[in-house]
């Protein structure tokens, strides 16, 4: 859930999923990329 909140907060500053968007996400949550990967894996395996 933390990753989703960070993702949506980042959209308040950057509308598109560009490099600066992901840099902002990682600034707010240093583990952002791992959390995103974990969420995608969970959703895929849950199928």
PDB file of N, CA and C in Angstrom:
ATOM      1  N   UNK A   1       0.823  -1.193   0.000  1.00  0.00           N
ATOM      2  CA  UNK A   1       0.000   0.000   0.000  1.00  0.00           C
ATOM      3  C   UNK A   1       0.869   1.260   0.000  1.00  0.00           C
ATOM      4  N   UNK A   2       1.985   1.197   0.691  1.00  0.00           N
ATOM      5  CA  UNK A   2       2.891   2.344   0.760  1.00  0.00           C
ATOM      6  C   UNK A   2       3.313   2.781  -0.640  1.00  0.00           C
ATOM      7  N   UNK A   3       3.610   1.814  -1.501  1.00  0.00           N
ATOM      8  CA  UNK A   3       4.044   2.117  -2.864  1.00  0.00           C
ATOM      9  C   UNK A   3       2.949   2.842  -3.641  1.00  0.00           C
ATOM     10  N   UNK A   4       1.708   2.431  -3.464  1.00  0.00           N
ATOM     11  CA  UNK A   4       0.586   3.050  -4.173  1.00  0.00           C
ATOM     12  C   UNK A   4       0.396   4.495  -3.709  1.00  0.00           C
ATOM     13  N   UNK A   5       0.516   4.738  -2.415  1.00  0.00           N
ATOM     14  CA  UNK A   5       0.378   6.097  -1.883  1.00  0.00           C
ATOM     15  C   UNK A   5       1.477   6.994  -2.438  1.00  0.00           C
ATOM     16  N   UNK A   6       2.707   6.522  -2.418  1.00  0.00           N
ATOM     17  CA  UNK A   6       3.832   7.291  -2.958  1.00  0.00           C
ATOM     18  C   UNK A   6       3.605   7.577  -4.439  1.00  0.00           C
ATOM     19  N   UNK A   7       3.162   6.572  -5.175  1.00  0.00           N
ATOM     20  CA  UNK A   7       2.898   6.711  -6.605  1.00  0.00           C
ATOM     21  C   UNK A   7       1.881   7.828  -6.860  1.00  0.00           C
ATOM     22  N   UNK A   8       0.798   7.805  -6.126  1.00  0.00           N
ATOM     23  CA  UNK A   8      -0.246   8.813  -6.330  1.00  0.00           C
ATOM     24  C   UNK A   8       0.204  10.195  -5.879  1.00  0.00           C
ATOM     25  N   UNK A   9       0.959  10.276  -4.802  1.00  0.00           N
ATOM     26  CA  UNK A   9       1.496  11.569  -4.369  1.00  0.00           C
ATOM     27  C   UNK A   9       2.434  12.148  -5.421  1.00  0.00           C
ATOM     28  N   UNK A  10       3.227  11.309  -6.042  1.00  0.00           N
ATOM     29  CA  UNK A  10       4.143  11.773  -7.087  1.00  0.00           C
ATOM     30  C   UNK A  10       3.374  12.363  -8.265  1.00  0.00           C
ATOM     31  N   UNK A  11       2.191  11.841  -8.525  1.00  0.00           N
ATOM     32  CA  UNK A  11       1.378  12.371  -9.623  1.00  0.00           C
ATOM     33  C   UNK A  11       0.891  13.797  -9.354  1.00  0.00           C
ATOM     34  N   UNK A  12       0.930  14.242  -8.126  1.00  0.00           N
ATOM     35  CA  UNK A  12       0.567  15.631  -7.834  1.00  0.00           C
ATOM     36  C   UNK A  12       1.579  16.597  -8.437  1.00  0.00           C
ATOM     37  N   UNK A  13       2.805  16.139  -8.626  1.00  0.00           N
ATOM     38  CA  UNK A  13       3.861  16.975  -9.212  1.00  0.00           C
ATOM     39  C   UNK A  13       4.167  16.627 -10.652  1.00  0.00           C
ATOM     40  N   UNK A  14       4.064  15.363 -10.988  1.00  0.00           N
ATOM     41  CA  UNK A  14       4.445  14.899 -12.328  1.00  0.00           C
ATOM     42  C   UNK A  14       3.358  13.982 -12.869  1.00  0.00           C
ATOM     43  N   UNK A  15       2.700  14.423 -13.934  1.00  0.00           N
ATOM     44  CA  UNK A  15       1.560  13.670 -14.464  1.00  0.00           C
ATOM     45  C   UNK A  15       1.959  12.390 -15.197  1.00  0.00           C
ATOM     46  N   UNK A  16       3.084  12.433 -15.882  1.00  0.00           N
ATOM     47  CA  UNK A  16       3.493  11.297 -16.711  1.00  0.00           C
ATOM     48  C   UNK A  16       4.517  10.418 -16.002  1.00  0.00           C
ATOM     49  N   UNK A  17       4.595   9.185 -16.444  1.00  0.00           N
ATOM     50  CA  UNK A  17       5.561   8.235 -15.892  1.00  0.00           C
ATOM     51  C   UNK A  17       6.896   8.394 -16.622  1.00  0.00           C
ATOM     52  N   UNK A  18       7.559   9.484 -16.314  1.00  0.00           N
ATOM     53  CA  UNK A  18       8.860   9.764 -16.918  1.00  0.00           C
ATOM     54  C   UNK A  18       9.934   9.653 -15.836  1.00  0.00           C
ATOM     55  N   UNK A  19      11.169   9.832 -16.233  1.00  0.00           N
ATOM     56  CA  UNK A  19      12.291   9.640 -15.315  1.00  0.00           C
ATOM     57  C   UNK A  19      12.131  10.456 -14.030  1.00  0.00           C
ATOM     58  N   UNK A  20      11.733  11.712 -14.144  1.00  0.00           N
ATOM     59  CA  UNK A  20      11.599  12.548 -12.948  1.00  0.00           C
ATOM     60  C   UNK A  20      10.494  12.038 -12.020  1.00  0.00           C
ATOM     61  N   UNK A  21       9.471  11.422 -12.591  1.00  0.00           N
ATOM     62  CA  UNK A  21       8.401  10.832 -11.779  1.00  0.00           C
ATOM     63  C   UNK A  21       8.978   9.733 -10.887  1.00  0.00           C
ATOM     64  N   UNK A  22       9.741   8.829 -11.479  1.00  0.00           N
ATOM     65  CA  UNK A  22      10.306   7.719 -10.711  1.00  0.00           C
ATOM     66  C   UNK A  22      11.389   8.189  -9.741  1.00  0.00           C
ATOM     67  N   UNK A  23      12.109   9.240 -10.097  1.00  0.00           N
ATOM     68  CA  UNK A  23      13.086   9.810  -9.171  1.00  0.00           C
ATOM     69  C   UNK A  23      12.380  10.383  -7.947  1.00  0.00           C
ATOM     70  N   UNK A  24      11.258  11.034  -8.164  1.00  0.00           N
ATOM     71  CA  UNK A  24      10.474  11.575  -7.059  1.00  0.00           C
ATOM     72  C   UNK A  24       9.942  10.451  -6.178  1.00  0.00           C
ATOM     73  N   UNK A  25       9.442   9.395  -6.789  1.00  0.00           N
ATOM     74  CA  UNK A  25       8.958   8.236  -6.026  1.00  0.00           C
ATOM     75  C   UNK A  25      10.075   7.669  -5.159  1.00  0.00           C
ATOM     76  N   UNK A  26      11.246   7.519  -5.740  1.00  0.00           N
ATOM     77  CA  UNK A  26      12.363   6.945  -4.996  1.00  0.00           C
ATOM     78  C   UNK A  26      12.851   7.897  -3.910  1.00  0.00           C
ATOM     79  N   UNK A  27      12.721   9.186  -4.129  1.00  0.00           N
ATOM     80  CA  UNK A  27      13.088  10.167  -3.103  1.00  0.00           C
ATOM     81  C   UNK A  27      12.160  10.026  -1.892  1.00  0.00           C
ATOM     82  N   UNK A  28      10.867   9.857  -2.149  1.00  0.00           N
ATOM     83  CA  UNK A  28       9.893   9.719  -1.058  1.00  0.00           C
ATOM     84  C   UNK A  28       9.977   8.352  -0.390  1.00  0.00           C
ATOM     85  N   UNK A  29      10.297   7.331  -1.176  1.00  0.00           N
ATOM     86  CA  UNK A  29      10.356   5.947  -0.666  1.00  0.00           C
ATOM     87  C   UNK A  29      11.548   5.249  -1.308  1.00  0.00           C
ATOM     88  N   UNK A  30      12.676   5.187  -0.591  1.00  0.00           N
ATOM     89  CA  UNK A  30      13.886   4.597  -1.166  1.00  0.00           C
ATOM     90  C   UNK A  30      13.700   3.175  -1.709  1.00  0.00           C
ATOM     91  N   UNK A  31      12.764   2.419  -1.168  1.00  0.00           N
ATOM     92  CA  UNK A  31      12.507   1.051  -1.634  1.00  0.00           C
ATOM     93  C   UNK A  31      11.410   0.993  -2.694  1.00  0.00           C
ATOM     94  N   UNK A  32      11.099   2.121  -3.308  1.00  0.00           N
ATOM     95  CA  UNK A  32       9.970   2.190  -4.241  1.00  0.00           C
ATOM     96  C   UNK A  32      10.041   1.122  -5.334  1.00  0.00           C
ATOM     97  N   UNK A  33      11.177   0.981  -5.971  1.00  0.00           N
ATOM     98  CA  UNK A  33      11.278   0.041  -7.097  1.00  0.00           C
ATOM     99  C   UNK A  33      11.053  -1.404  -6.644  1.00  0.00           C
ATOM    100  N   UNK A  34      11.583  -1.751  -5.491  1.00  0.00           N
ATOM    101  CA  UNK A  34      11.367  -3.106  -4.975  1.00  0.00           C
ATOM    102  C   UNK A  34       9.903  -3.311  -4.597  1.00  0.00           C
ATOM    103  N   UNK A  35       9.286  -2.306  -3.989  1.00  0.00           N
ATOM    104  CA  UNK A  35       7.871  -2.403  -3.623  1.00  0.00           C
ATOM    105  C   UNK A  35       6.995  -2.549  -4.867  1.00  0.00           C
ATOM    106  N   UNK A  36       7.346  -1.814  -5.924  1.00  0.00           N
ATOM    107  CA  UNK A  36       6.590  -1.918  -7.172  1.00  0.00           C
ATOM    108  C   UNK A  36       6.730  -3.321  -7.768  1.00  0.00           C
ATOM    109  N   UNK A  37       7.937  -3.833  -7.768  1.00  0.00           N
ATOM    110  CA  UNK A  37       8.174  -5.186  -8.273  1.00  0.00           C
ATOM    111  C   UNK A  37       7.393  -6.219  -7.453  1.00  0.00           C
ATOM    112  N   UNK A  38       7.441  -6.088  -6.142  1.00  0.00           N
ATOM    113  CA  UNK A  38       6.714  -7.015  -5.266  1.00  0.00           C
ATOM    114  C   UNK A  38       5.214  -6.970  -5.533  1.00  0.00           C
ATOM    115  N   UNK A  39       4.668  -5.770  -5.720  1.00  0.00           N
ATOM    116  CA  UNK A  39       3.233  -5.642  -5.983  1.00  0.00           C
ATOM    117  C   UNK A  39       2.866  -6.275  -7.321  1.00  0.00           C
ATOM    118  N   UNK A  40       3.668  -6.023  -8.348  1.00  0.00           N
ATOM    119  CA  UNK A  40       3.393  -6.614  -9.665  1.00  0.00           C
ATOM    120  C   UNK A  40       3.459  -8.144  -9.609  1.00  0.00           C
ATOM    121  N   UNK A  41       4.434  -8.661  -8.891  1.00  0.00           N
ATOM    122  CA  UNK A  41       4.568 -10.107  -8.740  1.00  0.00           C
ATOM    123  C   UNK A  41       3.363 -10.684  -7.999  1.00  0.00           C
ATOM    124  N   UNK A  42       2.963 -10.043  -6.925  1.00  0.00           N
ATOM    125  CA  UNK A  42       1.804 -10.490  -6.155  1.00  0.00           C
ATOM    126  C   UNK A  42       0.553 -10.524  -7.029  1.00  0.00           C
ATOM    127  N   UNK A  43       0.327  -9.453  -7.779  1.00  0.00           N
ATOM    128  CA  UNK A  43      -0.869  -9.380  -8.623  1.00  0.00           C
ATOM    129  C   UNK A  43      -0.828 -10.416  -9.744  1.00  0.00           C
ATOM    130  N   UNK A  44       0.357 -10.698 -10.258  1.00  0.00           N
ATOM    131  CA  UNK A  44       0.503 -11.695 -11.321  1.00  0.00           C
ATOM    132  C   UNK A  44       0.254 -13.109 -10.796  1.00  0.00           C
ATOM    133  N   UNK A  45       0.840 -13.429  -9.667  1.00  0.00           N
ATOM    134  CA  UNK A  45       0.717 -14.778  -9.109  1.00  0.00           C
ATOM    135  C   UNK A  45      -0.670 -15.045  -8.529  1.00  0.00           C
ATOM    136  N   UNK A  46      -1.333 -13.994  -8.110  1.00  0.00           N
ATOM    137  CA  UNK A  46      -2.662 -14.110  -7.521  1.00  0.00           C
ATOM    138  C   UNK A  46      -3.672 -14.591  -8.541  1.00  0.00           C
ATOM    139  N   UNK A  47      -3.446 -14.180  -9.803  1.00  0.00           N
ATOM    140  CA  UNK A  47      -4.207 -14.521 -10.967  1.00  0.00           C
ATOM    141  C   UNK A  47      -5.528 -15.059 -10.805  1.00  0.00           C
TER     142      UNK A  47
END
